[in-house]
Protein backbone atom coordinates (compact mmCIF):
# COMPACT_ATOMS: atom_id res chain seq x y z
CA MET A 1 104.16 113.82 300.59
CA SER A 2 105.01 113.39 296.95
CA ILE A 3 106.26 110.17 296.02
CA GLU A 4 108.10 108.98 292.91
CA VAL A 5 107.79 105.15 292.08
CA MET A 6 110.45 103.65 290.45
CA GLU A 7 111.00 99.85 289.59
CA SER A 8 113.67 98.36 291.53
CA ASP A 9 115.57 94.96 291.09
CA GLN A 10 112.66 92.80 291.63
CA VAL A 11 109.86 94.80 293.39
CA THR A 12 108.34 98.50 293.13
CA LYS A 13 109.87 100.57 295.83
CA PRO A 14 108.75 104.16 296.57
CA ARG A 15 111.11 107.14 296.33
CA ILE A 16 110.78 110.25 298.58
CA ALA A 17 110.95 112.93 296.04
CA ALA A 18 112.04 115.66 298.34
CA LEU A 19 115.03 113.65 299.32
CA ASP A 20 115.84 113.54 295.73
CA VAL A 21 115.02 117.29 295.07
CA ALA A 22 117.20 117.98 298.23
CA ARG A 23 120.06 115.97 296.95
CA GLY A 24 120.22 117.39 293.43
CA LEU A 25 120.18 121.39 294.97
CA ALA A 26 122.60 120.01 297.30
CA LEU A 27 124.83 119.44 294.29
CA LEU A 28 124.69 123.00 293.31
CA GLY A 29 125.33 124.41 296.61
CA ILE A 30 128.43 122.33 297.34
CA PHE A 31 129.70 123.01 293.75
CA PHE A 32 129.71 126.70 294.36
CA VAL A 33 131.94 126.28 297.88
CA ASN A 34 134.38 123.56 296.05
CA ALA A 35 134.72 125.73 293.19
CA SER A 36 137.55 127.90 294.81
CA LEU A 37 139.45 124.70 295.67
CA PHE A 38 139.21 123.64 291.68
CA GLY A 39 140.87 126.86 290.61
CA GLU A 40 142.76 128.08 293.33
CA PRO A 41 145.94 126.93 295.23
CA PHE A 42 145.53 125.21 298.56
CA ALA A 43 147.05 128.11 300.51
CA SER A 44 144.48 130.76 298.63
CA VAL A 45 141.61 128.56 299.77
CA LEU A 46 142.77 128.87 303.68
CA ASP A 47 142.24 132.57 303.50
CA PRO A 48 138.78 133.38 303.82
CA SER A 49 138.59 137.05 303.44
CA ARG A 50 136.76 138.97 300.91
CA PRO A 51 138.75 139.35 297.57
CA THR A 52 138.72 142.96 297.61
CA HIS A 53 140.96 142.81 294.64
CA GLU A 54 138.40 141.79 292.70
CA SER A 55 135.25 142.98 291.07
CA TRP A 56 132.19 144.09 292.78
CA LEU A 57 130.18 140.91 291.27
CA SER A 58 133.24 138.55 292.23
CA GLN A 59 132.74 139.99 295.93
CA LEU A 60 128.68 139.44 295.70
CA VAL A 61 129.66 136.11 294.71
CA TYR A 62 131.99 135.67 297.54
CA ALA A 63 129.35 136.84 300.06
CA GLY A 64 126.49 134.68 298.77
CA THR A 65 128.76 131.67 298.69
CA MET A 66 129.95 132.13 302.11
CA ILE A 67 126.34 133.27 303.90
CA PHE A 68 124.39 130.73 302.00
CA CYS A 69 126.08 127.56 300.89
CA THR A 70 129.57 127.38 303.01
CA GLY A 71 128.87 124.49 305.46
CA LYS A 72 125.06 124.46 304.73
CA PHE A 73 125.10 121.88 301.83
CA TYR A 74 127.95 119.09 302.81
CA PRO A 75 125.81 118.84 306.23
CA LEU A 76 122.71 118.53 303.87
CA PHE A 77 124.39 115.99 302.00
CA SER A 78 125.50 114.14 305.08
CA LEU A 79 121.83 114.17 306.39
CA LEU A 80 120.25 112.79 303.28
CA PHE A 81 123.49 109.88 303.21
CA GLY A 82 121.97 108.91 306.86
CA ALA A 83 118.20 109.02 305.76
CA GLY A 84 119.44 106.34 303.00
CA LEU A 85 120.80 104.38 305.45
CA ALA A 86 118.13 103.93 307.41
CA ILE A 87 115.66 103.50 304.32
CA MET A 88 118.35 100.91 302.94
CA LEU A 89 118.17 99.11 306.63
CA ALA A 90 114.39 98.77 306.17
CA SER A 91 114.50 97.27 302.96
CA ALA A 92 116.83 94.93 304.03
CA LYS A 93 114.89 93.74 306.73
CA ARG A 94 111.59 93.81 304.41
CA ASP A 95 113.61 91.72 302.18
CA GLY A 96 114.89 89.22 304.54
CA ARG A 97 118.97 90.47 303.45
CA SER A 98 121.90 90.97 305.86
CA PHE A 99 122.50 94.27 306.24
CA VAL A 100 125.83 94.63 307.71
CA ALA A 101 127.67 92.69 304.84
CA THR A 102 125.63 94.79 302.07
CA PHE A 103 126.45 98.17 303.88
CA LEU A 104 129.97 97.20 304.42
CA ARG A 105 130.23 96.47 300.47
CA ARG A 106 129.05 99.63 299.81
CA LEU A 107 131.16 101.54 302.22
CA ILE A 108 134.23 99.77 300.29
CA LEU A 109 133.03 101.01 297.25
CA LEU A 110 132.60 104.43 298.14
CA ALA A 111 136.11 104.58 299.46
CA THR A 112 137.21 103.29 296.09
CA PHE A 113 135.47 105.85 294.54
CA GLY A 114 136.93 108.58 296.82
CA LEU A 115 140.31 107.17 296.57
CA LEU A 116 140.27 107.37 292.64
CA HIS A 117 138.50 111.13 292.81
CA ILE A 118 141.40 112.24 295.02
CA VAL A 119 144.27 110.55 293.00
CA PHE A 120 143.12 111.59 289.67
CA LEU A 121 140.88 114.82 289.94
CA TRP A 122 140.33 117.00 292.81
CA VAL A 123 141.72 117.18 296.52
CA GLY A 124 138.37 118.07 298.14
CA ASP A 125 136.52 114.69 298.22
CA ILE A 126 133.96 113.74 300.46
CA LEU A 127 133.28 110.11 299.42
CA LEU A 128 136.33 108.68 301.25
CA LEU A 129 135.37 110.65 304.78
CA TYR A 130 131.75 109.29 304.59
CA SER A 131 132.97 105.71 304.13
CA ILE A 132 135.18 105.97 306.77
CA ILE A 133 132.49 107.35 309.36
CA GLY A 134 129.99 105.24 307.53
CA THR A 135 131.59 102.59 309.56
CA ALA A 136 130.17 104.39 312.71
CA MET A 137 126.68 103.82 311.76
CA LEU A 138 126.69 100.11 311.37
CA PRO A 139 126.23 99.69 315.21
CA LEU A 140 123.98 102.92 315.23
CA ALA A 141 121.95 101.56 312.22
CA TYR A 142 119.56 99.78 314.55
CA ALA A 143 119.32 102.41 317.32
CA SER A 144 116.00 104.12 318.23
CA PRO A 145 115.51 107.75 316.94
CA ARG A 146 116.23 108.97 320.32
CA VAL A 147 119.60 107.14 320.86
CA LEU A 148 120.81 108.54 317.41
CA LEU A 149 119.58 112.04 318.22
CA TRP A 150 121.84 111.71 321.72
CA VAL A 151 124.67 110.56 319.77
CA ALA A 152 124.56 113.40 317.47
CA GLY A 153 123.98 115.83 319.96
CA GLY A 154 126.98 114.52 322.07
CA ALA A 155 129.08 114.65 318.97
CA TYR A 156 128.04 117.77 317.54
CA SER A 157 128.91 119.16 320.91
CA PHE A 158 132.52 117.61 321.07
CA GLY A 159 133.38 119.21 317.75
CA LEU A 160 132.10 122.73 319.58
CA LEU A 161 134.55 121.95 322.26
CA ILE A 162 137.52 121.54 320.05
CA LEU A 163 136.58 124.50 317.84
CA VAL A 164 136.52 126.52 321.08
CA GLY A 165 139.75 125.10 322.04
CA LEU A 166 141.36 126.06 318.87
CA THR A 167 139.88 129.54 319.48
CA GLY A 168 141.64 129.77 322.52
CA LEU A 169 144.81 128.86 321.59
CA MET A 170 144.97 131.25 318.79
CA LEU A 171 143.85 134.31 321.46
CA LEU A 172 147.27 133.18 323.49
CA ALA A 173 149.18 133.03 320.65
CA GLY A 174 148.26 136.28 319.14
CA THR A 175 148.49 137.24 315.41
CA MET A 176 150.76 134.94 313.73
CA PRO A 177 153.87 136.60 312.12
CA GLU A 178 154.29 137.16 308.33
CA PRO A 179 155.89 134.89 306.29
CA VAL A 180 159.44 135.23 305.43
CA VAL A 181 159.88 135.96 301.88
CA LYS A 182 162.21 133.21 300.47
CA GLU A 183 164.11 132.49 297.49
CA MET A 184 162.92 129.47 294.90
CA PRO A 185 165.30 126.53 295.51
CA ALA A 186 166.91 125.44 292.47
CA ALA A 187 165.96 121.92 291.03
CA ASP A 188 165.38 120.08 288.10
CA SER A 189 161.77 120.17 287.85
CA ARG A 190 158.89 121.99 289.61
CA LEU A 191 158.07 119.15 291.85
CA ALA A 192 161.57 118.67 293.28
CA GLN A 193 161.26 122.26 294.04
CA TYR A 194 157.96 121.62 295.81
CA ILE A 195 159.55 119.11 297.89
CA GLU A 196 162.60 121.10 298.88
CA VAL A 197 160.02 124.21 299.92
CA LEU A 198 157.87 121.78 302.01
CA LYS A 199 161.37 120.71 303.51
CA ASP A 200 161.88 124.62 304.11
CA TRP A 201 158.51 125.62 305.26
CA ASN A 202 158.84 126.65 308.54
CA GLN A 203 155.11 125.94 309.91
CA THR A 204 155.08 128.06 312.82
CA GLU A 205 154.27 130.86 310.03
CA GLN A 206 151.77 131.08 307.53
CA TYR A 207 151.75 128.60 304.33
CA ASP A 208 154.75 129.14 302.47
CA SER A 209 153.93 131.39 299.27
CA ARG A 210 156.53 129.46 297.17
CA LEU A 211 153.94 126.68 297.45
CA ILE A 212 151.20 129.05 295.84
CA GLU A 213 153.42 129.89 292.75
CA LEU A 214 154.74 126.49 292.26
CA GLU A 215 151.09 125.00 292.85
CA THR A 216 149.53 127.25 290.37
CA GLN A 217 152.24 126.26 287.87
CA ILE A 218 152.00 122.18 288.11
CA MET A 219 148.38 122.49 288.26
CA SER A 220 147.76 124.46 284.84
CA GLN A 221 150.85 123.24 283.06
CA GLY A 222 151.26 119.62 284.41
CA PRO A 223 152.86 117.12 284.16
CA PHE A 224 150.17 114.73 285.79
CA HIS A 225 152.25 112.94 288.07
CA GLU A 226 153.15 116.31 290.00
CA GLN A 227 149.85 116.81 290.03
CA VAL A 228 148.88 113.86 291.95
CA PHE A 229 151.87 114.63 294.40
CA VAL A 230 150.62 118.23 294.93
CA ARG A 231 147.04 116.66 295.39
CA LEU A 232 148.06 114.20 298.18
CA CYS A 233 150.01 116.29 300.13
CA ASN A 234 147.05 118.90 300.14
CA TYR A 235 144.88 116.08 300.94
CA LEU A 236 147.00 115.13 304.28
CA PHE A 237 146.49 118.82 304.86
CA THR A 238 143.03 118.80 304.67
CA SER A 239 142.67 115.52 306.70
CA ILE A 240 143.49 117.92 309.65
CA PHE A 241 140.59 119.96 309.75
CA THR A 242 138.76 116.98 308.52
CA ALA A 243 139.56 115.28 311.42
CA LEU A 244 139.07 118.46 313.91
CA VAL A 245 136.13 120.03 312.35
CA MET A 246 134.29 118.24 309.35
CA THR A 247 133.92 114.61 311.29
CA TRP A 248 131.83 116.24 313.88
CA VAL A 249 129.21 117.60 311.77
CA VAL A 250 129.09 114.90 309.35
CA LEU A 251 128.86 112.16 311.92
CA PRO A 252 125.82 113.90 313.83
CA CYS A 253 124.12 114.44 310.34
CA PHE A 254 124.32 111.27 309.29
CA CYS A 255 122.33 110.16 312.95
CA VAL A 256 120.00 113.48 312.26
CA GLY A 257 118.99 112.12 308.73
CA ALA A 258 118.60 108.21 310.12
CA ALA A 259 116.33 109.41 313.05
CA LEU A 260 114.42 111.62 310.59
CA VAL A 261 113.46 108.71 308.72
CA LYS A 262 112.71 106.41 311.62
CA LEU A 263 110.47 109.24 313.02
CA LYS A 264 108.61 109.39 309.81
CA PHE A 265 109.52 113.08 309.32
CA PHE A 266 109.40 112.42 305.37
CA ASP A 267 106.24 110.76 305.33
CA GLU A 268 104.21 113.03 307.39
CA PRO A 269 103.41 116.68 307.53
CA TRP A 270 104.86 117.70 311.32
CA PRO A 271 103.74 121.14 310.92
CA VAL A 272 105.12 122.32 314.28
CA LEU A 273 108.63 120.91 313.98
CA ARG A 274 108.76 122.40 310.14
CA HIS A 275 107.58 125.81 311.39
CA ARG A 276 110.18 125.62 313.81
CA LEU A 277 113.27 124.40 311.64
CA LEU A 278 112.20 127.29 309.55
CA TRP A 279 112.63 130.01 312.16
CA ALA A 280 115.67 128.61 313.85
CA GLY A 281 117.11 128.94 310.53
CA LEU A 282 116.05 132.26 309.63
CA LEU A 283 116.59 133.91 313.08
CA ILE A 284 119.76 132.34 314.36
CA GLY A 285 121.20 130.66 311.55
CA LEU A 286 121.28 133.27 309.14
CA PRO A 287 122.69 135.99 311.46
CA LEU A 288 125.60 133.82 312.60
CA ASN A 289 126.66 132.91 309.24
CA VAL A 290 126.71 136.53 308.19
CA PHE A 291 128.65 137.86 311.76
CA GLY A 292 130.96 134.86 310.26
CA VAL A 293 131.57 136.47 306.81
CA ILE A 294 132.49 139.70 309.25
CA LEU A 295 134.67 138.08 311.72
CA ALA A 296 136.36 136.41 308.38
CA GLN A 297 137.72 139.80 307.25
CA SER A 298 139.80 140.26 310.61
CA ALA A 299 143.79 140.00 310.54
CA ASN A 300 143.29 138.32 314.06
CA GLU A 301 143.84 134.65 314.05
CA ALA A 302 141.60 133.92 316.68
CA LEU A 303 138.48 136.16 315.16
CA VAL A 304 139.07 134.36 311.94
CA MET A 305 138.84 131.22 314.01
CA GLY A 306 135.78 132.03 315.45
CA GLN A 307 134.15 132.51 311.68
CA SER A 308 134.46 128.56 311.91
CA LEU A 309 132.58 128.39 315.30
CA ALA A 310 129.81 130.71 313.90
CA PHE A 311 129.28 128.58 310.53
CA GLN A 312 129.70 125.74 312.63
CA ILE A 313 126.92 126.34 314.58
CA GLY A 314 124.68 128.64 312.04
CA GLY A 315 125.49 126.25 309.17
CA PRO A 316 123.50 123.20 310.12
CA LEU A 317 120.58 125.37 311.50
CA MET A 318 120.26 126.62 307.85
CA THR A 319 120.97 122.74 306.80
CA LEU A 320 117.45 121.89 308.25
CA MET A 321 115.87 125.15 306.94
CA TYR A 322 116.80 124.44 303.66
CA LEU A 323 115.60 120.69 304.12
CA VAL A 324 112.17 122.36 305.21
CA LEU A 325 111.78 124.75 302.40
CA VAL A 326 112.49 121.64 299.77
CA MET A 327 109.69 119.51 301.55
CA ASN A 328 107.39 122.60 301.67
CA TRP A 329 108.00 123.22 297.64
CA VAL A 330 107.37 119.89 296.81
CA ASP A 331 104.32 119.31 298.74
CA SER A 332 103.04 122.52 297.13
CA GLU A 333 103.78 121.11 293.58
CA ARG A 334 104.61 124.24 292.18
CA GLY A 335 107.40 124.43 289.72
CA LEU A 336 106.71 120.52 289.30
CA ALA A 337 108.56 120.21 286.25
CA ILE A 338 111.81 122.00 287.68
CA SER A 339 111.50 120.02 290.82
CA ARG A 340 111.20 116.94 288.90
CA ALA A 341 114.33 117.79 286.84
CA ILE A 342 116.37 118.51 289.97
CA GLY A 343 115.16 115.35 291.58
CA GLN A 344 116.21 113.18 288.26
CA LEU A 345 119.75 114.44 289.40
CA GLY A 346 119.44 113.89 292.83
CA ARG A 347 118.70 110.20 291.72
CA MET A 348 122.13 109.90 290.47
CA ALA A 349 123.91 112.09 293.04
CA LEU A 350 127.20 110.28 292.87
CA THR A 351 127.47 110.56 289.14
CA GLY A 352 126.50 113.74 289.24
CA TYR A 353 129.20 114.93 291.91
CA LEU A 354 131.96 113.09 290.31
CA LEU A 355 130.87 114.60 286.76
CA GLU A 356 131.01 117.98 288.67
CA SER A 357 134.63 117.13 289.42
CA PHE A 358 135.65 116.02 285.81
CA LEU A 359 134.52 118.81 283.90
CA MET A 360 135.61 121.59 286.37
CA SER A 361 139.03 119.93 286.27
CA ALA A 362 138.77 119.98 282.16
CA VAL A 363 138.39 123.74 282.85
CA MET A 364 141.26 124.38 285.50
CA LEU A 365 143.94 121.68 284.83
CA HIS A 366 146.50 121.44 282.02
CA TRP A 367 144.83 118.63 280.33
CA GLY A 368 141.69 120.98 279.53
CA LEU A 369 141.68 124.66 279.35
CA GLY A 370 144.19 125.17 281.82
CA ARG A 371 142.61 127.96 284.02
CA PHE A 372 143.96 127.16 287.28
CA GLY A 373 145.15 130.14 289.16
CA ASP A 374 143.59 132.23 286.78
CA THR A 375 139.96 132.88 287.60
CA THR A 376 137.99 135.08 289.87
CA TRP A 377 135.13 134.26 291.87
CA ALA A 378 132.39 135.36 289.34
CA GLU A 379 133.81 133.68 286.67
CA ARG A 380 133.96 130.32 288.81
CA ALA A 381 130.30 130.86 289.48
CA GLY A 382 129.74 130.99 285.87
CA TRP A 383 131.66 128.05 285.26
CA VAL A 384 129.36 126.35 288.37
CA LEU A 385 126.01 127.18 286.65
CA GLY A 386 127.09 126.22 283.04
CA ILE A 387 128.53 122.50 284.13
CA TYR A 388 125.52 122.34 286.87
CA ALA A 389 123.01 122.59 283.48
CA VAL A 390 124.84 120.31 281.65
CA ILE A 391 124.82 117.89 284.06
CA LEU A 392 121.22 118.23 284.97
CA LEU A 393 120.47 117.60 281.10
CA PHE A 394 122.41 114.59 281.05
CA ALA A 395 120.98 113.20 284.00
CA ASN A 396 117.49 113.64 282.83
CA THR A 397 118.19 112.46 279.48
CA TRP A 398 120.08 109.30 280.92
CA LEU A 399 117.47 108.37 283.21
CA SER A 400 114.40 108.65 280.64
CA ARG A 401 116.14 105.44 279.44
CA PHE A 402 117.86 103.80 282.41
CA ARG A 403 116.90 102.66 285.53
CA VAL A 404 119.69 104.27 287.48
CA GLY A 405 122.93 106.55 287.08
CA PRO A 406 126.13 104.93 285.36
CA LEU A 407 127.87 104.90 288.93
CA GLU A 408 124.98 104.17 291.05
CA TRP A 409 124.65 101.06 288.43
CA VAL A 410 128.24 99.84 289.42
CA TRP A 411 127.91 100.75 293.15
CA ARG A 412 124.33 98.95 293.55
CA MET A 413 126.29 96.10 291.86
CA GLY A 414 129.12 95.76 293.86
CA THR A 415 126.72 96.41 296.83
CA TYR A 416 124.17 93.54 296.45
CA ALA A 417 127.01 91.32 294.52
CA ARG A 418 124.96 90.54 291.70
CA PHE A 419 124.21 91.66 288.43
CA VAL A 420 121.32 94.53 288.08
CA PRO A 421 119.52 95.37 284.99
CA LEU A 422 120.21 98.93 283.76
CA GLN A 423 117.55 99.22 280.99
CA GLN A 424 114.39 101.21 281.83
CA ALA A 425 111.59 98.70 282.07
CA ALA A 426 108.67 101.37 282.35
CA PRO A 427 108.46 105.03 282.49
CA LEU A 428 108.21 106.71 285.92
CA ALA A 429 105.24 107.34 287.47
CA THR A 430 104.08 109.71 289.94
CA LYS A 431 101.30 109.71 293.00
CA ASN A 432 100.61 111.34 295.96
CA ARG A 433 100.75 109.78 299.26
CA GLY A 434 97.93 110.48 301.68
CA ARG A 435 98.75 112.59 304.60
């Protein structure tokens, strides 16, 4: 496995290059998925059906995003977070440091980043969720790989049972009625109108269309304090989905990532396991995701819910396939300049993740270009690629002079409760670890 050697605070510690490359690619995949939530009202994002009113290119981008990105890259990010936890524990043991206090400080800072992210930029934050679920990893950090995999399997199975139960309830309920079109309430401001619509919204029906209109106006025209209110309301809505669905994917991925580190999966070839994970993703994961996209076109609520079930099963299988593909790519040393560039971004994934939000918000919100509610799938994909290229260039330029990314520097100092030098003392070198 290719290793990058970086000078750390006190000693030289190895970085597994494949993990950094996987993080860098995960940032791109997550960005494609999140683009709709950046640029469209919350209710529009709740509809997973194909955008038939848009161009063939937009429909192609939609299909590609749903099949290859949705439900695949946040599990990959989660798995890498769990791997980082296991590496951090091993480092603490080696250096004789307290792991629990250090990790708790790390989670508190992550939660702070997440809260600021939600309030000032974007509703789809993942950092706060990571910090909350991460506390469950404190007692699991010392567990054996076998225990971690059993916990992962149990939590994942519980999440599947929840989805099966919700799908069954939808079948019993039948197709939900179309919402009744109501007049916009009279009020002194759009925020006051938004609050009145929330009070009047019949929650047995679909999302009130008046909220779509008001959210589009508030996000594209401001003012800022009204945007904050709408974001917080939408975050409360998404927290239901998070608790019922995402939690039971994130926690298992944390456990699997930590188990893989302890099993030295990233240090040794493991050809048989890699081969099996590749075929499982290709022969099971990919068809399930294609089937899920087909289900999403149905007018039946239960079948649409079945799409989530297909993604919940097929997504993590494709996640593991992607991880193996990255490892094989790094091992092959083909396209070394590209993999190194992406790996540099992966080294400062926190900065990259929040930069994506800032730059995309600058495109969509009133304090920037104000394009909220006025972009297609194809246009948003163009913005994703352009912004990712800018961030990739920034990451490589920054890390040519400094040890870590700017937010990683703050995060590291808070985690270890001491000053950490930022200036790069020596250039990065690469070598190969014998297998």
